[in-house]
Amino acid sequence: MTYPLSTAGARRPAAWLAAAAALALLAGCGHKAPDAEAARPVIALPAPAADGAQTLRFPGEIHARYEMPLAFRVPGQLISREARLGDTVKKGQVLARLDDADAGKNEAAARAALDAAEHRLSFATQQRDRDEAQAKENLISQLQLDQTRDAYASALAAQTQAKQQYELARNQSRYNALVADRDGAITSEHAEVGQVLAAGQAVFGFAWSGERDVYVDVPEDRVAKIQPGQPAKVSLLSVQGQPLAAHVREVAPAADPQTRTYRVKLGLDAPDPHVRLGMTADVALAGDAPTAKAVRLPVTALFHEGERPAVWVVRAADATLELRPVTVLRYGERDVLVGSGLEAGERVVMQGVHAVSAGEKVAPMAPPHAEDSPL
């Protein structure tokens, strides 16, 4: 006995066929070709040519052209100071005094010795005149006349010696007052009242009025670029306006044993009346002109290939990275001067050089903010 097929049973093979077709379609979609490799964004800019001379900048300090310690020429006890730190003094002004009691006694003794020598000379002169008159009359012998003349010569020499001793004693007494020999300013103090000083021991630091210098300390790798007479511009934080013109006046022949830097002194051509000693200055000197093919890059663009400096260059053909060795002519505080291995206008990775690799495809972009630009 046979049973007719139900309508539901007849539909099942058709549903199975539809499901199998759908699975096959989905499987075919899973084998679709992958998208092309996405380019990595990097901050890269064209390398600019280094036109013009390089500017060398150094911090400096304002000093007087002539600075020296002031001291007494004679020893003694300091009894007063007439000047203080920071005072402006005039030529001939008394700055300090020593106890002059002993100097006064020495001067009085020298005066007495001079009076005695002058008295003896006066007597010897009279005796010589009498004996010469008597010798003309043949009243005395030639030997007695010679002895009289010898006594006169000795008295004259003794008077000259006593006079010089008196002048020396007067000078010694005068040296008990420390006097400014020119206009200037007291820059330091080195002795206190009551202190016993040796001859030549410093009492004050003294700076002459007039010319002003700027002192800068230059490292040994840059001192060869600085020569006497080289022009410079000096900017002062406390003096607004145009920079002051200056020139290199002196370059130290030897390095400082502590800092291993060379002291360079620049003279201000026309000092501003507001320029004061000890002010901080920014000194700019024109350096050597770079070579025609040199380019300037920020230090953040510098990488290395082994022990040689290198930069990441973006190939123009396919926008992939190439690590290219370069020759660095000069290292600066914020940039480097590249002489060979790179042409001006080639696009170089300026930041993030440690996060990229050779052959990587990149999308060059500028810094998001203008103030963040490394150039």
Protein backbone atom coordinates (compact mmCIF):
# COMPACT_ATOMS: atom_id res chain seq x y z
CA MET A 1 0.00 0.00 0.00
CA THR A 2 1.44 3.33 -1.06
CA TYR A 3 1.13 6.82 0.52
CA PRO A 4 1.26 10.05 -1.43
CA LEU A 5 4.11 12.51 -0.70
CA SER A 6 3.13 15.46 1.43
CA THR A 7 3.68 19.00 0.23
CA ALA A 8 6.14 19.73 3.10
CA GLY A 9 8.27 16.75 2.25
CA ALA A 10 8.47 17.83 -1.34
CA ARG A 11 9.77 21.22 -0.39
CA ARG A 12 12.74 20.03 1.79
CA PRO A 13 15.17 19.19 -1.09
CA ALA A 14 14.63 22.65 -2.58
CA ALA A 15 15.42 24.35 0.75
CA TRP A 16 18.59 22.29 1.11
CA LEU A 17 19.72 23.29 -2.35
CA ALA A 18 19.14 26.98 -1.59
CA ALA A 19 21.15 26.76 1.66
CA ALA A 20 24.06 25.06 -0.12
CA ALA A 21 24.10 27.77 -2.78
CA ALA A 22 24.21 30.47 -0.10
CA LEU A 23 27.16 28.79 1.67
CA ALA A 24 29.04 28.52 -1.60
CA LEU A 25 28.48 32.22 -2.25
CA LEU A 26 29.78 33.14 1.21
CA ALA A 27 32.82 30.93 0.75
CA GLY A 28 33.58 32.68 -2.51
CA CYS A 29 33.46 36.07 -0.80
CA GLY A 30 36.03 34.89 1.83
CA HIS A 31 38.68 34.50 -0.92
CA LYS A 32 38.47 38.22 -1.99
CA ALA A 33 41.90 39.87 -2.69
CA PRO A 34 43.31 41.95 0.31
CA ASP A 35 43.44 45.76 0.17
CA ALA A 36 46.70 47.50 -0.68
CA GLU A 37 49.09 48.27 2.31
CA ALA A 38 48.10 51.52 4.03
CA ALA A 39 50.75 54.30 3.94
CA ARG A 40 52.05 55.41 7.33
CA PRO A 41 51.80 59.16 8.00
CA VAL A 42 55.12 60.78 8.94
CA ILE A 43 56.25 64.39 9.44
CA ALA A 44 58.49 65.00 6.43
CA LEU A 45 59.46 68.28 4.78
CA PRO A 46 61.73 69.32 1.91
CA ALA A 47 65.31 69.96 3.09
CA PRO A 48 66.05 73.71 2.85
CA ALA A 49 69.30 75.03 1.42
CA ALA A 50 71.65 76.68 3.94
CA ASP A 51 71.92 80.15 2.46
CA GLY A 52 73.93 82.90 4.16
CA ALA A 53 76.53 82.73 6.90
CA GLN A 54 75.96 80.78 10.06
CA THR A 55 75.32 82.80 13.20
CA LEU A 56 77.27 81.83 16.29
CA ARG A 57 75.47 82.68 19.52
CA PHE A 58 76.92 82.74 23.02
CA PRO A 59 75.80 84.07 26.40
CA GLY A 60 77.96 86.88 27.74
CA GLU A 61 78.42 89.30 30.60
CA ILE A 62 79.16 93.04 30.65
CA HIS A 63 82.53 94.05 32.13
CA ALA A 64 84.62 97.20 32.25
CA ARG A 65 87.47 97.43 29.74
CA TYR A 66 89.91 97.74 32.65
CA GLU A 67 89.34 96.02 35.99
CA MET A 68 91.91 95.72 38.78
CA PRO A 69 92.32 95.36 42.54
CA LEU A 70 93.15 98.48 44.55
CA ALA A 71 95.74 98.09 47.33
CA PHE A 72 98.00 100.14 49.58
CA ARG A 73 101.66 100.40 48.63
CA VAL A 74 102.73 100.14 52.28
CA PRO A 75 101.73 97.77 55.10
CA GLY A 76 99.61 98.89 58.03
CA GLN A 77 96.33 98.62 59.91
CA LEU A 78 93.16 99.67 58.10
CA ILE A 79 91.41 102.30 60.20
CA SER A 80 88.68 103.53 57.82
CA ARG A 81 86.93 102.85 54.52
CA GLU A 82 85.53 105.87 52.76
CA ALA A 83 83.92 103.94 49.87
CA ARG A 84 81.47 101.05 49.76
CA LEU A 85 80.52 98.34 47.29
CA GLY A 86 78.78 99.81 44.23
CA ASP A 87 79.94 103.39 44.83
CA THR A 88 80.90 105.53 41.86
CA VAL A 89 84.10 107.44 42.68
CA LYS A 90 86.01 110.29 41.10
CA LYS A 91 89.70 110.70 40.40
CA GLY A 92 91.56 111.86 43.54
CA GLN A 93 88.88 110.66 45.96
CA VAL A 94 90.17 108.98 49.16
CA LEU A 95 88.82 105.44 49.42
CA ALA A 96 90.47 104.10 52.61
CA ARG A 97 93.13 104.99 55.21
CA LEU A 98 95.82 103.21 57.21
CA ASP A 99 97.11 104.13 60.66
CA ASP A 100 99.84 106.70 59.82
CA ALA A 101 101.42 107.18 63.27
CA ASP A 102 104.65 105.36 62.37
CA ALA A 103 104.75 106.99 58.95
CA GLY A 104 104.52 110.43 60.57
CA LYS A 105 107.45 109.67 62.87
CA ASN A 106 109.55 108.43 59.95
CA GLU A 107 108.78 111.61 58.04
CA ALA A 108 109.78 113.79 61.03
CA ALA A 109 113.04 111.89 61.44
CA ALA A 110 113.86 112.28 57.78
CA ARG A 111 113.11 116.01 57.99
CA ALA A 112 115.53 116.37 60.91
CA ALA A 113 118.23 114.45 59.06
CA LEU A 114 117.80 116.72 56.06
CA ASP A 115 118.11 119.85 58.21
CA ALA A 116 121.37 118.53 59.69
CA ALA A 117 122.76 117.68 56.27
CA GLU A 118 121.92 121.13 54.94
CA HIS A 119 123.65 122.74 57.93
CA ARG A 120 126.80 120.71 57.35
CA LEU A 121 126.71 121.57 53.66
CA SER A 122 126.43 125.28 54.48
CA PHE A 123 129.45 125.08 56.78
CA ALA A 124 131.45 123.08 54.21
CA THR A 125 130.60 125.62 51.53
CA GLN A 126 131.87 128.51 53.67
CA GLN A 127 135.04 126.62 54.54
CA ARG A 128 135.72 125.86 50.90
CA ASP A 129 135.28 129.49 49.90
CA ARG A 130 137.70 130.69 52.64
CA ASP A 131 140.35 128.10 51.80
CA GLU A 132 140.19 128.83 48.08
CA ALA A 133 140.71 132.55 48.81
CA GLN A 134 143.64 131.80 51.10
CA ALA A 135 145.14 129.40 48.58
CA LYS A 136 145.32 132.21 46.04
CA GLU A 137 147.46 134.16 48.53
CA ASN A 138 149.58 131.03 49.23
CA LEU A 139 148.53 131.16 52.88
CA ILE A 140 147.57 127.43 53.01
CA SER A 141 148.98 124.34 51.44
CA GLN A 142 147.50 122.53 48.48
CA LEU A 143 146.84 119.50 50.71
CA GLN A 144 144.66 121.53 53.06
CA LEU A 145 142.70 122.94 50.09
CA ASP A 146 142.11 119.42 48.74
CA GLN A 147 140.86 118.24 52.14
CA THR A 148 138.44 121.18 52.32
CA ARG A 149 137.08 120.45 48.86
CA ASP A 150 136.66 116.76 49.80
CA ALA A 151 134.70 117.72 52.90
CA TYR A 152 132.47 119.96 50.78
CA ALA A 153 131.80 117.15 48.27
CA SER A 154 130.92 114.75 51.12
CA ALA A 155 128.56 117.28 52.68
CA LEU A 156 126.86 117.89 49.33
CA ALA A 157 126.37 114.15 48.80
CA ALA A 158 125.02 113.73 52.34
CA GLN A 159 122.56 116.56 51.77
CA THR A 160 121.34 114.97 48.51
CA GLN A 161 120.90 111.60 50.23
CA ALA A 162 119.00 113.16 53.16
CA LYS A 163 116.73 114.99 50.73
CA GLN A 164 115.87 111.78 48.91
CA GLN A 165 115.19 109.99 52.21
CA TYR A 166 112.86 112.79 53.21
CA GLU A 167 110.97 112.57 49.92
CA LEU A 168 110.68 108.80 50.37
CA ALA A 169 109.32 109.27 53.91
CA ARG A 170 106.78 111.79 52.63
CA ASN A 171 105.65 109.33 49.96
CA GLN A 172 105.36 106.55 52.52
CA SER A 173 103.19 108.80 54.65
CA ARG A 174 101.04 109.75 51.66
CA TYR A 175 100.63 106.08 50.71
CA ASN A 176 98.66 105.53 53.92
CA ALA A 177 95.66 107.00 52.06
CA LEU A 178 94.24 104.90 49.22
CA VAL A 179 93.27 107.35 46.46
CA ALA A 180 91.41 106.63 43.19
CA ASP A 181 93.71 107.47 40.29
CA ARG A 182 90.77 107.78 37.85
CA ASP A 183 86.96 107.74 37.68
CA GLY A 184 85.37 104.36 38.22
CA ALA A 185 83.23 102.13 40.43
CA ILE A 186 83.86 99.83 43.40
CA THR A 187 83.01 96.28 42.32
CA SER A 188 84.10 94.29 45.40
CA GLU A 189 85.45 94.62 48.95
CA HIS A 190 88.32 92.50 50.29
CA ALA A 191 89.35 94.03 53.66
CA GLU A 192 87.63 95.13 56.86
CA VAL A 193 88.41 97.98 59.24
CA GLY A 194 90.93 96.89 61.86
CA GLN A 195 92.60 94.35 59.60
CA VAL A 196 96.39 94.48 59.30
CA LEU A 197 97.30 94.52 55.63
CA ALA A 198 100.46 93.66 53.77
CA ALA A 199 101.73 95.91 51.02
CA GLY A 200 99.85 95.12 47.83
CA GLN A 201 97.01 93.22 49.53
CA ALA A 202 93.72 93.96 47.75
CA VAL A 203 91.24 96.23 49.51
CA PHE A 204 88.73 96.93 46.70
CA GLY A 205 87.92 95.67 43.23
CA PHE A 206 87.84 98.64 40.87
CA ALA A 207 86.36 99.09 37.39
CA TRP A 208 87.29 102.07 35.23
CA SER A 209 84.63 104.28 33.75
CA GLY A 210 84.34 104.53 29.97
CA GLU A 211 84.78 101.55 27.64
CA ARG A 212 82.74 98.42 28.20
CA ASP A 213 83.52 94.86 27.13
CA VAL A 214 81.45 91.70 26.81
CA TYR A 215 83.06 88.48 28.03
CA VAL A 216 82.00 85.18 26.43
CA ASP A 217 83.39 81.68 26.95
CA VAL A 218 83.70 79.79 23.66
CA PRO A 219 84.13 75.99 23.39
CA GLU A 220 87.23 74.74 21.65
CA ASP A 221 85.35 73.45 18.59
CA ARG A 222 84.18 77.00 17.74
CA VAL A 223 87.05 79.23 18.79
CA ALA A 224 88.77 78.80 15.40
CA LYS A 225 85.81 80.60 13.77
CA ILE A 226 86.38 83.76 15.84
CA GLN A 227 89.10 86.28 14.99
CA PRO A 228 90.02 89.72 16.41
CA GLY A 229 88.13 92.51 14.66
CA GLN A 230 85.17 90.26 13.77
CA PRO A 231 81.85 92.22 14.04
CA ALA A 232 79.14 91.13 16.44
CA LYS A 233 75.72 92.13 17.75
CA VAL A 234 75.02 92.30 21.48
CA SER A 235 71.46 92.11 22.83
CA LEU A 236 70.71 92.92 26.48
CA LEU A 237 67.61 91.61 28.23
CA SER A 238 67.29 94.77 30.31
CA VAL A 239 67.84 97.20 27.42
CA GLN A 240 65.13 97.12 24.78
CA GLY A 241 65.70 98.25 21.21
CA GLN A 242 68.27 97.58 18.53
CA PRO A 243 71.23 95.30 19.37
CA LEU A 244 74.47 97.07 20.22
CA ALA A 245 77.30 96.91 17.70
CA ALA A 246 80.53 95.34 18.94
CA HIS A 247 83.72 93.74 17.66
CA VAL A 248 86.03 91.00 18.88
CA ARG A 249 88.89 92.67 20.72
CA GLU A 250 90.79 89.74 22.20
CA VAL A 251 90.79 85.93 22.00
CA ALA A 252 92.50 84.06 24.82
CA PRO A 253 95.51 82.07 23.58
CA ALA A 254 94.92 79.24 26.07
CA ALA A 255 91.86 77.48 27.46
CA ASP A 256 90.67 77.90 31.02
CA PRO A 257 92.02 74.90 33.00
CA GLN A 258 88.68 74.36 34.75
CA THR A 259 86.06 74.88 32.03
CA ARG A 260 88.26 74.12 28.97
CA THR A 261 86.74 77.11 27.19
CA TYR A 262 88.41 80.15 25.65
CA ARG A 263 87.66 83.64 26.96
CA VAL A 264 86.72 86.04 24.16
CA LYS A 265 86.43 89.78 24.88
CA LEU A 266 84.28 91.98 22.66
CA GLY A 267 84.37 95.76 22.83
CA LEU A 268 81.15 97.74 22.47
CA ASP A 269 81.55 100.30 19.68
CA ALA A 270 79.20 102.86 21.28
CA PRO A 271 78.17 101.81 24.80
CA ASP A 272 74.62 102.70 25.81
CA PRO A 273 74.44 104.76 29.03
CA HIS A 274 72.01 102.18 30.41
CA VAL A 275 74.55 99.37 30.09
CA ARG A 276 75.64 98.39 33.60
CA LEU A 277 78.36 96.08 34.81
CA GLY A 278 77.31 92.45 35.25
CA MET A 279 74.38 92.57 32.83
CA THR A 280 73.61 89.39 30.89
CA ALA A 281 74.07 89.65 27.14
CA ASP A 282 73.29 87.54 24.07
CA VAL A 283 76.18 87.76 21.59
CA ALA A 284 75.69 86.92 17.90
CA LEU A 285 78.73 86.59 15.61
CA ALA A 286 78.65 85.88 11.89
CA GLY A 287 80.27 82.50 11.20
CA ASP A 288 81.64 80.98 8.01
CA ALA A 289 79.43 80.84 4.93
CA PRO A 290 78.24 77.29 4.20
CA THR A 291 79.08 75.48 0.97
CA ALA A 292 76.82 75.90 -2.04
CA LYS A 293 75.23 72.42 -1.69
CA ALA A 294 74.83 72.46 2.07
CA VAL A 295 71.40 71.99 3.62
CA ARG A 296 70.28 72.68 7.15
CA LEU A 297 68.24 70.13 9.12
CA PRO A 298 66.94 70.00 12.68
CA VAL A 299 68.81 67.67 15.01
CA THR A 300 65.63 65.59 15.33
CA ALA A 301 66.07 64.48 11.68
CA LEU A 302 69.50 62.92 12.28
CA PHE A 303 69.72 59.12 12.51
CA HIS A 304 72.67 56.79 12.01
CA GLU A 305 73.81 53.90 9.84
CA GLY A 306 76.38 52.04 11.85
CA GLU A 307 78.72 54.76 13.08
CA ARG A 308 77.90 57.21 10.28
CA PRO A 309 75.19 59.89 10.48
CA ALA A 310 72.20 59.34 8.19
CA VAL A 311 68.71 60.65 7.45
CA TRP A 312 65.44 59.08 6.27
CA VAL A 313 64.65 60.25 2.74
CA VAL A 314 61.21 59.78 1.17
CA ARG A 315 61.65 58.49 -2.40
CA ALA A 316 59.64 60.60 -4.80
CA ALA A 317 58.82 57.64 -7.08
CA ASP A 318 56.98 55.38 -4.64
CA ALA A 319 56.86 57.29 -1.30
CA THR A 320 58.99 54.68 0.47
CA LEU A 321 61.77 55.37 2.97
CA GLU A 322 65.49 55.19 2.24
CA LEU A 323 68.18 55.50 4.95
CA ARG A 324 70.88 57.63 3.35
CA PRO A 325 74.31 58.35 4.89
CA VAL A 326 75.27 62.05 5.01
CA THR A 327 78.27 64.17 5.93
CA VAL A 328 77.71 66.67 8.73
CA LEU A 329 79.75 69.85 8.40
CA ARG A 330 78.73 71.47 11.65
CA TYR A 331 76.66 70.60 14.69
CA GLY A 332 74.58 73.37 16.24
CA GLU A 333 72.42 73.57 19.33
CA ARG A 334 69.18 72.95 17.38
CA ASP A 335 70.26 72.10 13.85
CA VAL A 336 73.00 70.48 11.79
CA LEU A 337 74.63 71.54 8.54
CA VAL A 338 74.75 68.67 6.02
CA GLY A 339 77.36 68.98 3.28
CA SER A 340 76.97 65.84 1.12
CA GLY A 341 74.58 62.93 0.67
CA LEU A 342 71.48 65.08 0.47
CA GLU A 343 70.19 67.63 -2.04
CA ALA A 344 68.11 70.66 -1.20
CA GLY A 345 64.41 70.00 -1.82
CA GLU A 346 64.49 66.26 -1.07
CA ARG A 347 61.82 65.31 1.44
CA VAL A 348 63.29 64.19 4.77
CA VAL A 349 61.63 62.74 7.86
CA MET A 350 62.03 65.47 10.49
CA GLN A 351 60.60 63.76 13.56
CA GLY A 352 60.09 60.20 14.77
CA VAL A 353 63.18 58.81 12.99
CA HIS A 354 63.44 55.92 15.47
CA ALA A 355 59.93 54.66 14.71
CA VAL A 356 60.29 54.00 10.94
CA SER A 357 62.09 51.39 8.86
CA ALA A 358 63.69 51.10 5.43
CA GLY A 359 61.31 50.45 2.53
CA GLU A 360 58.26 51.44 4.55
CA LYS A 361 55.58 53.23 2.56
CA VAL A 362 54.74 56.58 4.11
CA ALA A 363 52.44 59.55 3.62
CA PRO A 364 54.48 62.75 4.17
CA MET A 365 52.71 65.46 6.11
CA ALA A 366 53.58 68.83 7.65
CA PRO A 367 53.44 69.44 11.41
CA PRO A 368 49.86 70.01 12.60
CA HIS A 369 50.81 73.40 14.05
CA ALA A 370 53.09 75.99 12.46
CA GLU A 371 54.95 76.60 15.75
CA ASP A 372 55.83 72.89 15.88
CA SER A 373 57.76 73.09 12.61
CA PRO A 374 61.38 71.99 13.16
CA LEU A 375 62.66 74.42 10.48
